[in-house]
N, C-alpha and C. Protein backbone atom coordinates (compact mmCIF):
# COMPACT_ATOMS: atom_id res chain seq x y z
N UNK A 1 46.88 19.16 -20.74
CA UNK A 1 46.32 19.19 -19.38
C UNK A 1 46.09 17.82 -18.71
N UNK A 2 46.55 17.65 -17.34
CA UNK A 2 46.44 16.41 -16.71
C UNK A 2 46.11 16.59 -15.22
N UNK A 3 45.24 15.55 -14.74
CA UNK A 3 44.60 15.65 -13.39
C UNK A 3 45.94 15.30 -12.38
N UNK A 4 45.75 16.11 -11.28
CA UNK A 4 46.58 15.59 -10.20
C UNK A 4 46.63 14.07 -9.96
N UNK A 5 47.35 13.51 -9.49
CA UNK A 5 47.81 12.09 -9.18
C UNK A 5 48.40 11.81 -8.07
N UNK A 6 48.22 10.73 -7.18
CA UNK A 6 48.96 10.23 -5.98
C UNK A 6 49.03 8.87 -6.17
N UNK A 7 50.17 8.39 -6.10
CA UNK A 7 50.66 6.79 -6.07
C UNK A 7 51.36 6.49 -4.57
N UNK A 8 51.14 5.57 -4.12
CA UNK A 8 51.54 5.01 -3.07
C UNK A 8 52.65 3.96 -3.33
N UNK A 9 54.03 4.44 -3.14
CA UNK A 9 55.01 3.70 -3.67
C UNK A 9 55.41 2.64 -2.56
N UNK A 10 55.03 2.81 -1.50
CA UNK A 10 55.52 1.76 -0.45
C UNK A 10 55.20 2.36 0.97
N UNK A 11 55.43 1.40 1.82
CA UNK A 11 55.32 1.71 3.26
C UNK A 11 56.00 0.73 4.15
N UNK A 12 56.34 1.13 5.35
CA UNK A 12 56.94 0.56 6.27
C UNK A 12 55.98 0.34 7.76
N UNK A 13 55.71 -0.65 8.39
CA UNK A 13 55.22 -0.51 9.71
C UNK A 13 53.71 -1.12 9.76
N UNK A 14 53.18 -0.85 10.83
CA UNK A 14 51.79 -1.50 11.00
C UNK A 14 51.31 -0.91 12.40
N UNK A 15 49.96 -1.44 12.66
CA UNK A 15 49.67 -1.15 14.11
C UNK A 15 50.31 -1.75 15.10
N UNK A 16 50.94 -2.83 14.80
CA UNK A 16 51.77 -3.78 15.74
C UNK A 16 53.10 -3.01 15.98
N UNK A 17 53.59 -2.42 14.78
CA UNK A 17 54.78 -1.66 14.94
C UNK A 17 54.62 -0.53 16.01
N UNK A 18 53.46 0.16 15.88
CA UNK A 18 53.30 1.25 16.75
C UNK A 18 53.17 0.82 18.16
N UNK A 19 52.25 -0.27 18.24
CA UNK A 19 52.12 -0.77 19.65
C UNK A 19 53.39 -1.39 20.39
N UNK A 20 54.16 -2.02 19.55
CA UNK A 20 55.49 -2.50 20.21
C UNK A 20 56.36 -1.27 20.71
N UNK A 21 56.41 -0.31 19.78
CA UNK A 21 56.99 0.82 20.15
C UNK A 21 56.79 1.46 21.72
N UNK A 22 55.42 1.63 21.71
CA UNK A 22 54.89 2.11 22.86
C UNK A 22 55.13 1.03 24.20
N UNK A 23 55.39 -0.27 23.82
CA UNK A 23 55.70 -1.32 24.83
C UNK A 23 57.07 -1.47 25.12
N UNK A 24 57.90 -0.81 24.47
CA UNK A 24 59.34 -0.60 24.81
C UNK A 24 59.84 -0.50 25.98
N UNK A 25 59.16 0.35 26.87
CA UNK A 25 59.52 0.49 28.37
C UNK A 25 59.05 -0.81 29.25
N UNK A 26 58.38 -1.41 28.82
CA UNK A 26 57.76 -2.79 29.34
C UNK A 26 58.31 -4.02 29.01
N UNK A 27 57.64 -4.57 28.03
CA UNK A 27 57.95 -5.57 27.38
C UNK A 27 57.16 -5.63 25.71
N UNK A 28 58.16 -5.86 24.89
CA UNK A 28 57.60 -5.87 23.49
C UNK A 28 57.30 -7.16 23.10
N UNK A 29 57.29 -8.31 23.71
CA UNK A 29 56.85 -9.32 23.51
C UNK A 29 55.37 -9.54 23.29
N UNK A 30 54.78 -10.12 22.13
CA UNK A 30 53.61 -10.05 21.72
C UNK A 30 52.85 -11.40 22.12
N UNK A 31 51.72 -11.28 23.06
CA UNK A 31 51.09 -12.58 23.40
C UNK A 31 49.89 -11.95 22.75
N UNK A 32 49.06 -13.07 22.90
CA UNK A 32 47.73 -13.25 22.17
C UNK A 32 46.64 -11.94 23.03
N UNK A 33 46.84 -11.87 24.22
CA UNK A 33 46.33 -11.00 25.25
C UNK A 33 46.52 -9.58 24.57
N UNK A 34 47.97 -9.37 24.19
CA UNK A 34 48.32 -7.87 24.14
C UNK A 34 48.06 -7.67 22.77
N UNK A 35 47.96 -8.60 21.75
CA UNK A 35 47.58 -8.38 20.47
C UNK A 35 46.01 -7.94 20.51
N UNK A 36 45.04 -8.48 21.21
CA UNK A 36 43.77 -8.14 21.42
C UNK A 36 43.84 -6.62 21.98
N UNK A 37 44.77 -6.00 22.82
CA UNK A 37 44.65 -4.88 23.27
C UNK A 37 45.16 -3.81 22.61
N UNK A 38 45.61 -4.10 21.25
CA UNK A 38 46.34 -3.28 20.39
C UNK A 38 45.31 -2.02 19.97
N UNK A 39 44.22 -2.28 19.71
CA UNK A 39 43.26 -1.16 19.10
C UNK A 39 42.98 -0.26 20.25
N UNK A 40 42.75 -0.70 21.60
CA UNK A 40 42.46 0.41 22.70
C UNK A 40 43.91 1.10 22.91
N UNK A 41 44.80 0.29 23.01
CA UNK A 41 46.20 1.13 23.27
C UNK A 41 46.27 2.21 22.16
N UNK A 42 46.30 1.92 20.94
CA UNK A 42 46.63 3.03 19.82
C UNK A 42 45.59 4.28 20.04
N UNK A 43 44.33 3.80 20.39
CA UNK A 43 43.41 4.76 20.62
C UNK A 43 43.72 5.80 21.75
N UNK A 44 44.08 5.18 22.75
CA UNK A 44 44.60 5.92 24.10
C UNK A 44 45.66 6.81 23.88
N UNK A 45 46.87 6.13 23.09
CA UNK A 45 48.10 6.92 22.70
C UNK A 45 47.63 8.29 21.87
N UNK A 46 46.85 8.05 20.86
CA UNK A 46 46.40 9.34 20.10
C UNK A 46 45.53 10.37 20.95
N UNK A 47 44.73 9.77 21.57
CA UNK A 47 43.82 10.71 22.29
C UNK A 47 44.77 11.36 23.37
N UNK A 48 45.74 10.83 23.98
CA UNK A 48 46.54 11.53 25.05
C UNK A 48 47.57 12.21 24.57
N UNK A 49 47.67 12.22 23.40
CA UNK A 49 48.86 12.95 22.66
C UNK A 49 50.39 12.36 22.77
N UNK A 50 50.23 11.03 22.76
CA UNK A 50 51.65 10.47 23.03
C UNK A 50 51.91 9.85 21.54
N UNK A 51 52.53 10.65 20.77
CA UNK A 51 52.65 10.39 19.44
C UNK A 51 54.01 9.81 18.97
N UNK A 52 54.91 9.66 19.73
CA UNK A 52 56.14 9.09 19.18
C UNK A 52 56.14 7.65 18.79
N UNK A 53 55.22 6.91 19.32
CA UNK A 53 55.17 5.53 18.76
C UNK A 53 54.67 5.31 17.20
N UNK A 54 54.13 6.48 16.62
CA UNK A 54 53.57 6.80 15.64
C UNK A 54 54.59 7.01 14.72
N UNK A 55 55.62 7.45 15.04
CA UNK A 55 56.76 7.80 14.11
C UNK A 55 57.77 6.79 13.62
N UNK A 56 57.28 5.57 14.09
CA UNK A 56 58.04 4.48 13.71
C UNK A 56 57.62 3.79 12.37
N UNK A 57 56.73 4.38 11.63
CA UNK A 57 56.25 3.96 10.45
C UNK A 57 56.53 4.83 9.38
N UNK A 58 56.35 4.49 8.10
CA UNK A 58 56.52 5.26 6.94
C UNK A 58 55.65 5.09 5.94
N UNK A 59 55.21 6.13 5.23
CA UNK A 59 54.29 6.06 4.08
C UNK A 59 54.92 6.83 2.92
N UNK A 60 54.95 6.35 1.90
CA UNK A 60 55.90 6.86 0.66
C UNK A 60 55.07 7.12 -0.55
N UNK A 61 54.82 8.18 -0.87
CA UNK A 61 53.84 8.55 -2.09
C UNK A 61 54.76 9.33 -3.15
N UNK A 62 54.39 9.19 -4.38
CA UNK A 62 54.79 10.04 -5.50
C UNK A 62 53.46 10.77 -5.91
N UNK A 63 53.73 12.18 -5.93
CA UNK A 63 52.55 12.96 -6.36
C UNK A 63 52.87 14.04 -7.43
N UNK A 64 51.91 13.90 -8.37
CA UNK A 64 52.00 14.65 -9.43
C UNK A 64 51.06 15.92 -9.34
N UNK A 65 51.43 17.29 -8.88
CA UNK A 65 50.41 18.04 -8.69
C UNK A 65 50.90 19.72 -9.15
N UNK A 66 50.09 20.32 -9.04
CA UNK A 66 50.12 21.83 -9.54
C UNK A 66 51.18 22.49 -8.32
N UNK A 67 51.86 23.41 -8.61
CA UNK A 67 52.78 24.01 -7.70
C UNK A 67 52.11 24.74 -6.60
N UNK A 68 51.06 25.04 -6.53
CA UNK A 68 50.10 25.69 -5.42
C UNK A 68 49.97 24.51 -4.40
N UNK A 69 49.80 23.30 -4.86
CA UNK A 69 49.41 22.03 -4.17
C UNK A 69 50.95 21.72 -3.58
N UNK A 70 51.98 21.59 -4.19
CA UNK A 70 53.25 21.42 -3.93
C UNK A 70 53.64 22.30 -2.54
N UNK A 71 53.42 23.47 -2.85
CA UNK A 71 53.85 24.33 -1.67
C UNK A 71 53.17 23.94 -0.39
N UNK A 72 51.75 23.51 -0.53
CA UNK A 72 51.18 23.16 0.79
C UNK A 72 51.68 21.91 1.29
N UNK A 73 52.40 20.89 0.44
CA UNK A 73 53.16 19.88 0.99
C UNK A 73 54.16 20.13 1.65
N UNK A 74 55.15 20.95 0.96
CA UNK A 74 56.44 21.30 1.65
C UNK A 74 56.40 21.93 2.88
N UNK A 75 55.16 22.72 3.28
CA UNK A 75 55.05 23.56 4.57
C UNK A 75 55.19 22.54 5.74
N UNK A 76 54.94 21.24 5.35
CA UNK A 76 54.96 20.33 6.51
C UNK A 76 56.38 19.62 6.58
N UNK A 77 57.18 20.04 7.50
CA UNK A 77 58.76 19.68 7.66
C UNK A 77 58.98 18.72 8.65
N UNK A 78 58.24 18.51 9.61
CA UNK A 78 58.53 17.80 10.87
C UNK A 78 58.06 16.38 10.44
N UNK A 79 59.02 15.36 10.44
CA UNK A 79 58.75 14.04 10.06
C UNK A 79 58.36 13.94 8.61
N UNK A 80 58.58 14.84 7.70
CA UNK A 80 58.37 14.71 6.31
C UNK A 80 59.46 14.89 5.48
N UNK A 81 59.72 14.05 4.38
CA UNK A 81 60.85 14.17 3.53
C UNK A 81 60.21 14.35 2.08
N UNK A 82 60.57 15.58 1.58
CA UNK A 82 60.05 15.89 0.09
C UNK A 82 60.90 16.26 -0.77
N UNK A 83 61.16 15.54 -1.98
CA UNK A 83 62.11 15.86 -3.08
C UNK A 83 61.20 16.16 -4.18
N UNK A 84 61.32 17.44 -4.76
CA UNK A 84 60.37 17.90 -5.85
C UNK A 84 61.21 18.04 -7.03
N UNK A 85 60.60 17.80 -8.21
CA UNK A 85 61.01 18.02 -9.38
C UNK A 85 61.48 19.63 -9.70
N UNK A 86 62.51 19.97 -10.01
CA UNK A 86 63.17 21.47 -10.13
C UNK A 86 63.43 21.69 -11.42
N UNK A 87 62.79 23.03 -11.85
CA UNK A 87 63.10 23.55 -13.24
C UNK A 87 64.57 24.53 -13.13
N UNK A 88 65.05 24.37 -11.99
CA UNK A 88 66.33 25.14 -11.95
C UNK A 88 67.47 24.29 -12.33
N UNK A 89 67.34 22.80 -12.25
CA UNK A 89 68.34 21.95 -12.59
C UNK A 89 68.15 21.38 -13.94
N UNK A 90 66.81 21.32 -14.32
CA UNK A 90 66.53 20.79 -15.86
C UNK A 90 65.77 21.52 -16.46
N UNK A 91 65.54 21.48 -17.80
CA UNK A 91 64.66 22.11 -18.69
C UNK A 91 63.13 21.32 -18.45
N UNK A 92 62.27 21.83 -18.08
CA UNK A 92 60.96 21.12 -18.01
C UNK A 92 60.28 20.74 -19.42
N UNK A 93 60.70 19.62 -19.97
CA UNK A 93 60.33 19.66 -21.39
C UNK A 93 58.83 19.14 -21.58
N UNK A 94 58.30 18.51 -20.62
CA UNK A 94 56.97 18.10 -20.69
C UNK A 94 56.00 19.12 -19.85
N UNK A 95 55.14 19.98 -20.91
CA UNK A 95 54.61 21.05 -20.25
C UNK A 95 53.07 20.61 -19.61
N UNK A 96 53.24 20.02 -18.19
CA UNK A 96 52.09 19.62 -17.61
C UNK A 96 51.48 20.60 -16.98
N UNK A 97 50.12 20.67 -16.90
CA UNK A 97 49.42 21.91 -16.28
C UNK A 97 47.94 21.24 -15.80
N UNK A 98 47.53 21.97 -14.82
CA UNK A 98 46.25 21.60 -14.12
C UNK A 98 45.17 22.80 -14.28
N UNK A 99 43.95 22.43 -14.79
CA UNK A 99 42.85 23.42 -14.84
C UNK A 99 41.80 23.04 -14.01
N UNK A 100 41.42 23.96 -13.10
CA UNK A 100 40.36 23.56 -12.11
C UNK A 100 39.02 23.31 -12.74
N UNK A 101 38.39 22.04 -12.62
CA UNK A 101 37.25 21.68 -13.12
C UNK A 101 36.03 22.46 -12.93
N UNK A 102 36.01 23.28 -11.63
CA UNK A 102 34.88 23.94 -11.52
C UNK A 102 34.85 25.24 -11.92
N UNK A 103 35.99 25.63 -12.66
CA UNK A 103 36.05 26.74 -13.44
C UNK A 103 35.46 26.79 -14.61
N UNK A 104 34.92 25.65 -15.38
CA UNK A 104 34.38 25.35 -16.53
C UNK A 104 32.95 26.02 -16.65
N UNK A 105 32.42 26.16 -15.50
CA UNK A 105 30.93 26.53 -15.27
C UNK A 105 30.86 28.21 -15.25
N UNK A 106 31.97 28.74 -15.04
CA UNK A 106 32.08 30.35 -14.79
C UNK A 106 32.79 31.20 -16.13
N UNK A 107 32.07 32.27 -16.25
CA UNK A 107 32.53 33.00 -17.39
C UNK A 107 32.77 34.37 -17.15
N UNK A 108 33.75 34.92 -17.97
CA UNK A 108 34.18 36.27 -17.87
C UNK A 108 33.10 37.21 -18.14
N UNK A 109 32.64 38.15 -17.15
CA UNK A 109 31.66 39.08 -17.51
C UNK A 109 32.15 40.28 -18.41
N UNK A 110 33.19 40.77 -18.24
CA UNK A 110 33.64 42.13 -18.62
C UNK A 110 34.40 42.03 -19.90
N UNK A 111 35.22 40.96 -20.14
CA UNK A 111 36.16 40.80 -21.21
C UNK A 111 35.83 39.33 -21.99
N UNK A 112 35.97 39.79 -23.05
CA UNK A 112 35.93 38.51 -23.99
C UNK A 112 37.15 38.28 -24.59
N UNK A 113 37.92 37.26 -24.54
CA UNK A 113 39.19 36.85 -25.06
C UNK A 113 39.06 35.90 -26.26
N UNK A 114 40.01 36.10 -27.05
CA UNK A 114 40.25 35.35 -28.35
C UNK A 114 41.20 34.07 -28.21
N UNK A 115 40.82 33.05 -28.98
CA UNK A 115 41.87 31.96 -28.80
C UNK A 115 42.67 32.22 -30.02
N UNK A 116 43.71 31.16 -30.18
CA UNK A 116 44.72 31.45 -31.18
C UNK A 116 44.20 31.33 -32.65
N UNK A 117 42.90 30.64 -32.82
CA UNK A 117 42.19 30.91 -34.14
C UNK A 117 41.29 32.12 -34.39
N UNK A 118 41.21 33.02 -33.20
CA UNK A 118 40.36 34.21 -33.35
C UNK A 118 38.94 34.06 -32.81
N UNK A 119 38.82 32.78 -32.43
CA UNK A 119 37.28 32.61 -31.84
C UNK A 119 37.29 33.03 -30.42
N UNK A 120 35.99 33.71 -30.05
CA UNK A 120 35.92 34.28 -28.82
C UNK A 120 35.51 33.34 -27.77
N UNK A 121 36.47 33.39 -26.65
CA UNK A 121 35.98 32.50 -25.39
C UNK A 121 35.98 33.30 -24.24
N UNK A 122 34.98 32.78 -23.44
CA UNK A 122 34.57 33.43 -22.39
C UNK A 122 34.81 32.82 -20.93
N UNK A 123 34.84 31.46 -20.87
CA UNK A 123 34.79 30.77 -19.76
C UNK A 123 36.31 30.74 -19.06
N UNK A 124 36.42 30.81 -17.70
CA UNK A 124 37.69 31.00 -17.08
C UNK A 124 38.63 29.84 -17.46
N UNK A 125 37.97 28.74 -17.24
CA UNK A 125 38.83 27.23 -17.52
C UNK A 125 39.69 27.75 -18.93
N UNK A 126 38.89 28.00 -19.98
CA UNK A 126 39.73 28.09 -21.31
C UNK A 126 40.56 29.30 -21.30
N UNK A 127 40.29 30.32 -20.70
CA UNK A 127 41.24 31.52 -20.66
C UNK A 127 42.57 31.17 -19.73
N UNK A 128 42.45 30.39 -18.76
CA UNK A 128 43.54 30.05 -18.05
C UNK A 128 44.38 28.91 -18.91
N UNK A 129 43.82 28.20 -19.37
CA UNK A 129 44.49 26.97 -20.39
C UNK A 129 45.47 27.96 -21.45
N UNK A 130 44.70 28.94 -22.09
CA UNK A 130 45.18 29.43 -23.25
C UNK A 130 46.52 30.52 -22.53
N UNK A 131 46.43 30.86 -21.45
CA UNK A 131 47.28 31.80 -20.73
C UNK A 131 48.46 30.70 -20.32
N UNK A 132 48.09 29.63 -19.82
CA UNK A 132 49.12 28.68 -19.47
C UNK A 132 50.18 28.17 -20.61
N UNK A 133 49.43 27.89 -21.71
CA UNK A 133 50.02 27.31 -22.93
C UNK A 133 51.08 28.61 -23.55
N UNK A 134 50.42 29.69 -23.56
CA UNK A 134 51.46 30.76 -23.84
C UNK A 134 52.68 31.09 -22.95
N UNK A 135 52.36 30.91 -21.69
CA UNK A 135 53.48 30.82 -20.69
C UNK A 135 54.70 29.81 -20.95
N UNK A 136 54.17 28.50 -21.19
CA UNK A 136 54.87 27.67 -21.67
C UNK A 136 55.86 27.82 -23.00
N UNK A 137 55.12 28.31 -23.78
CA UNK A 137 55.82 28.55 -25.11
C UNK A 137 56.96 29.78 -24.92
N UNK A 138 56.57 30.59 -23.89
CA UNK A 138 57.69 31.65 -23.80
C UNK A 138 58.62 31.16 -22.92
N UNK A 139 58.31 30.08 -21.86
CA UNK A 139 59.43 29.56 -21.08
C UNK A 139 60.53 28.85 -22.04
N UNK A 140 59.99 27.95 -22.95
CA UNK A 140 60.85 27.38 -23.89
C UNK A 140 61.65 28.56 -24.79
N UNK A 141 61.22 29.38 -25.24
CA UNK A 141 61.77 30.37 -25.96
C UNK A 141 62.78 31.11 -25.52
N UNK A 142 62.49 31.68 -24.25
CA UNK A 142 63.45 32.28 -23.49
C UNK A 142 64.64 31.53 -22.91
N UNK A 143 64.27 30.08 -22.63
CA UNK A 143 65.60 29.44 -22.21
C UNK A 143 66.50 29.07 -23.64
N UNK A 144 65.98 28.86 -24.76
CA UNK A 144 66.74 28.66 -25.73
C UNK A 144 67.52 30.00 -26.09
N UNK A 145 66.83 31.19 -26.09
CA UNK A 145 67.52 32.44 -26.55
C UNK A 145 68.46 33.06 -25.58
N UNK A 146 68.20 32.71 -24.13
CA UNK A 146 69.02 33.26 -23.02
C UNK A 146 70.39 32.23 -22.88
N UNK A 147 70.13 30.95 -23.22
CA UNK A 147 71.43 30.13 -22.78
C UNK A 147 72.53 30.64 -23.43
N UNK A 148 72.75 30.83 -24.80
CA UNK A 148 74.01 31.71 -25.13
C UNK A 148 74.65 32.87 -24.71
N UNK A 149 73.62 33.61 -24.05
CA UNK A 149 73.85 34.83 -23.48
C UNK A 149 74.35 34.74 -22.04
N UNK A 150 73.41 34.10 -21.15
CA UNK A 150 73.54 34.14 -19.87
C UNK A 150 74.04 32.69 -19.33
N UNK A 151 74.31 31.69 -20.29
CA UNK A 151 74.98 30.32 -19.61
C UNK A 151 73.56 29.63 -19.46
N UNK A 152 73.73 28.26 -19.54
CA UNK A 152 72.63 27.26 -19.46
C UNK A 152 71.92 27.41 -18.23
N UNK A 153 73.19 27.33 -16.99
CA UNK A 153 72.33 27.43 -15.51
C UNK A 153 71.32 28.70 -15.41
N UNK A 154 71.80 29.92 -15.54
CA UNK A 154 71.23 30.93 -15.41
C UNK A 154 69.93 31.03 -16.10
N UNK A 155 70.05 30.75 -17.43
CA UNK A 155 68.79 30.62 -18.48
C UNK A 155 67.73 29.44 -17.87
N UNK A 156 68.18 28.55 -17.31
CA UNK A 156 67.03 27.65 -16.66
C UNK A 156 66.30 28.14 -15.52
N UNK A 157 67.24 28.57 -14.64
CA UNK A 157 66.68 29.06 -13.42
C UNK A 157 65.94 30.32 -13.46
N UNK A 158 66.02 30.97 -14.37
CA UNK A 158 65.35 32.21 -14.57
C UNK A 158 64.18 32.15 -15.73
N UNK A 159 64.14 31.29 -16.72
CA UNK A 159 63.32 31.07 -17.39
C UNK A 159 61.85 30.58 -17.13
N UNK A 160 62.04 29.56 -15.88
CA UNK A 160 60.82 29.15 -15.36
C UNK A 160 60.03 30.26 -14.56
N UNK A 161 60.24 31.61 -14.62
CA UNK A 161 59.38 32.34 -14.09
C UNK A 161 58.31 32.55 -14.98
N UNK A 162 58.23 32.09 -16.29
CA UNK A 162 56.92 32.21 -17.19
C UNK A 162 56.30 30.91 -16.58
N UNK A 163 56.70 30.04 -16.06
CA UNK A 163 55.63 28.89 -15.55
C UNK A 163 54.84 29.48 -14.36
N UNK A 164 53.60 28.98 -14.76
CA UNK A 164 52.40 29.61 -13.84
C UNK A 164 52.03 28.52 -12.76
N UNK A 165 51.29 29.02 -11.77
CA UNK A 165 51.25 28.21 -10.51
C UNK A 165 50.51 26.84 -10.75
N UNK A 166 49.91 26.76 -11.84
CA UNK A 166 49.09 25.79 -12.22
C UNK A 166 50.00 24.95 -13.04
N UNK A 167 51.23 25.03 -13.28
CA UNK A 167 51.96 24.04 -13.73
C UNK A 167 52.34 22.87 -12.76
N UNK A 168 52.34 21.60 -13.34
CA UNK A 168 52.47 20.55 -12.41
C UNK A 168 54.04 19.88 -12.45
N UNK A 169 54.26 19.63 -11.40
CA UNK A 169 55.85 18.99 -11.01
C UNK A 169 55.38 17.58 -10.22
N UNK A 170 56.23 16.96 -10.27
CA UNK A 170 56.31 15.48 -9.53
C UNK A 170 57.15 15.55 -8.10
N UNK A 171 56.61 15.17 -7.03
CA UNK A 171 57.11 15.19 -5.85
C UNK A 171 57.22 13.85 -5.13
N UNK A 172 58.32 13.30 -4.48
CA UNK A 172 58.53 12.14 -3.77
C UNK A 172 58.30 12.64 -2.25
N UNK A 173 57.27 12.15 -1.80
CA UNK A 173 56.92 12.58 -0.23
C UNK A 173 56.77 11.24 0.55
N UNK A 174 57.62 11.39 1.74
CA UNK A 174 57.53 10.29 2.71
C UNK A 174 57.04 10.98 4.15
N UNK A 175 56.03 10.53 4.84
CA UNK A 175 55.60 10.90 6.10
C UNK A 175 55.74 9.56 7.08
N UNK A 176 56.22 9.87 8.25
CA UNK A 176 55.93 8.98 9.29
C UNK A 176 54.36 9.12 9.68
N UNK A 177 53.79 8.27 10.34
CA UNK A 177 52.15 8.24 10.67
C UNK A 177 51.74 9.50 11.27
N UNK A 178 52.38 9.74 12.40
CA UNK A 178 52.09 11.05 13.11
C UNK A 178 52.19 12.37 12.30
N UNK A 179 53.17 12.46 11.35
CA UNK A 179 53.12 13.55 10.34
C UNK A 179 52.12 13.49 9.26
N UNK A 180 51.72 12.35 8.86
CA UNK A 180 50.70 11.89 8.04
C UNK A 180 49.27 12.33 8.27
N UNK A 181 49.02 12.01 9.69
CA UNK A 181 47.99 12.42 10.29
C UNK A 181 47.48 14.02 10.34
N UNK A 182 48.81 14.44 10.76
CA UNK A 182 48.78 15.85 10.68
C UNK A 182 48.48 16.59 9.46
N UNK A 183 49.16 16.14 8.37
CA UNK A 183 48.89 16.43 7.20
C UNK A 183 47.68 16.47 6.62
N UNK A 184 47.12 15.06 6.72
CA UNK A 184 45.76 14.79 5.93
C UNK A 184 44.56 15.74 6.84
N UNK A 185 44.83 15.71 8.29
CA UNK A 185 43.59 16.25 8.74
C UNK A 185 43.45 17.76 8.59
N UNK A 186 44.67 18.45 8.62
CA UNK A 186 44.67 19.83 8.27
C UNK A 186 44.27 19.99 6.72
N UNK A 187 44.65 19.32 5.85
CA UNK A 187 44.52 19.56 4.20
C UNK A 187 43.31 19.15 3.79
N UNK A 188 42.60 18.30 4.81
CA UNK A 188 41.30 17.80 4.04
C UNK A 188 40.20 18.63 4.64
N UNK A 189 40.28 19.43 5.33
CA UNK A 189 39.36 20.40 5.85
C UNK A 189 38.53 20.95 5.05
N UNK A 190 37.24 21.21 5.19
CA UNK A 190 36.47 21.89 4.26
C UNK A 190 36.99 23.28 3.72
N UNK A 191 37.89 23.86 4.67
CA UNK A 191 38.25 25.46 4.13
C UNK A 191 39.63 25.17 3.51
N UNK A 192 40.30 23.98 3.46
CA UNK A 192 41.55 23.79 2.70
C UNK A 192 41.22 24.05 1.19
N UNK A 193 42.26 24.34 0.45
CA UNK A 193 42.00 24.60 -1.07
C UNK A 193 41.74 23.30 -1.72
N UNK A 194 40.56 23.16 -2.62
CA UNK A 194 40.11 22.20 -3.16
C UNK A 194 41.25 21.04 -3.61
N UNK A 195 42.08 21.44 -4.23
CA UNK A 195 43.04 20.54 -4.83
C UNK A 195 44.07 19.77 -3.71
N UNK A 196 44.24 20.54 -2.68
CA UNK A 196 45.08 19.66 -1.62
C UNK A 196 44.21 18.92 -0.91
N UNK A 197 42.91 19.25 -0.83
CA UNK A 197 41.84 18.46 -0.16
C UNK A 197 41.87 16.98 -0.95
N UNK A 198 41.85 17.26 -2.41
CA UNK A 198 41.49 16.00 -2.95
C UNK A 198 42.84 15.19 -2.95
N UNK A 199 44.20 15.55 -2.86
CA UNK A 199 45.44 14.99 -2.71
C UNK A 199 45.31 14.29 -1.41
N UNK A 200 44.88 14.99 -0.29
CA UNK A 200 44.75 14.39 1.07
C UNK A 200 43.93 13.13 1.13
N UNK A 201 42.78 13.32 0.64
CA UNK A 201 41.87 12.21 0.53
C UNK A 201 42.16 11.04 -0.16
N UNK A 202 42.94 11.29 -1.29
CA UNK A 202 43.58 10.24 -2.10
C UNK A 202 44.63 9.51 -1.20
N UNK A 203 45.26 10.20 -0.55
CA UNK A 203 46.18 9.56 0.16
C UNK A 203 45.77 8.45 1.24
N UNK A 204 44.68 8.98 2.04
CA UNK A 204 43.94 8.30 2.97
C UNK A 204 43.37 7.19 2.27
N UNK A 205 42.80 7.20 1.24
CA UNK A 205 42.26 5.81 0.35
C UNK A 205 43.25 5.02 0.09
N UNK A 206 44.27 5.38 -0.37
CA UNK A 206 45.45 4.62 -0.78
C UNK A 206 45.93 3.77 0.34
N UNK A 207 46.17 4.25 1.62
CA UNK A 207 46.48 3.69 3.03
C UNK A 207 45.57 2.82 3.40
N UNK A 208 44.31 3.11 3.33
CA UNK A 208 43.25 2.36 3.76
C UNK A 208 43.05 1.00 2.78
N UNK A 209 43.74 1.30 1.46
CA UNK A 209 43.67 0.05 0.58
C UNK A 209 44.80 -0.92 0.55
N UNK A 210 45.75 -0.72 1.33
CA UNK A 210 47.03 -1.46 1.55
C UNK A 210 46.50 -2.83 1.90
N UNK A 211 47.03 -4.00 1.12
CA UNK A 211 46.55 -5.12 1.36
C UNK A 211 47.05 -5.53 2.81
N UNK A 212 45.80 -6.29 3.44
CA UNK A 212 45.89 -6.41 5.07
C UNK A 212 45.57 -5.61 5.65
N UNK A 213 45.64 -4.41 5.28
CA UNK A 213 45.03 -3.17 6.01
C UNK A 213 45.82 -3.04 7.32
N UNK A 214 47.17 -3.11 7.21
CA UNK A 214 48.15 -2.96 8.49
C UNK A 214 47.83 -1.83 9.38
N UNK A 215 47.29 -0.41 8.81
CA UNK A 215 47.29 0.38 9.66
C UNK A 215 45.76 0.66 10.07
N UNK A 216 44.78 -0.48 10.01
CA UNK A 216 43.53 -0.21 10.33
C UNK A 216 43.28 0.39 11.65
N UNK A 217 43.74 -0.02 12.84
CA UNK A 217 43.61 0.56 14.03
C UNK A 217 44.20 1.97 14.34
N UNK A 218 45.29 2.21 13.59
CA UNK A 218 45.93 3.37 13.82
C UNK A 218 45.03 4.43 12.93
N UNK A 219 44.49 4.01 11.75
CA UNK A 219 43.67 5.06 11.11
C UNK A 219 42.39 5.28 11.93
N UNK A 220 41.61 4.25 12.63
CA UNK A 220 40.60 4.58 13.63
C UNK A 220 41.00 5.50 14.82
N UNK A 221 42.46 5.16 15.25
CA UNK A 221 42.78 5.99 16.47
C UNK A 221 42.77 7.58 16.35
N UNK A 222 43.13 7.96 14.85
CA UNK A 222 43.26 9.24 14.45
C UNK A 222 42.04 9.72 13.90
N UNK A 223 40.87 8.91 13.93
CA UNK A 223 39.80 9.20 13.09
C UNK A 223 39.72 9.55 11.70
N UNK A 224 40.70 8.97 11.03
CA UNK A 224 40.76 9.07 9.70
C UNK A 224 39.96 8.20 8.72
């Protein structure tokens, strides 16, 4: 069992990149006066819905997350590039999975389950973990036994049906800043799924932590 993780692989652009893009129709030459005007310019652009200058940057993340959260990410397609680990093309040998922390305080009322040693377990987190482990065992067994019957390709793509929604995969995700703002504003709302909220908040934290804070005024313009 592992936690969902987010790594910032790299970035391109800055507040100045966005401002210069907006100034393309006039003059991109940076003077001391224009540099001072960048924060107000970016705020006005964001408030007025003039988003194209914010498409000139990129934020590149590596995300290790449950499949349910991965689906939330791939629903964002405009200005977003996503490559995800696929069980169709390779055997998933590392059985990574996620168990919600808040499940550990809640117990099954009507049904008592047994773990592999015959001990009674009641909390939902343990039940889900046991269910996930069983699914992973069946995945590998199914792949091994169906490969000589159906062929390696078909066995791989169909054995993954034993993988549960809390199975974790790795995703390579890149946003331009406009799309990044749309993603994190939507996915960090209180009514968003807890796991994707945590991913979005971690992404914002990582961008704010870039050395030199190159997106400081852009973040402020979008109230991030």
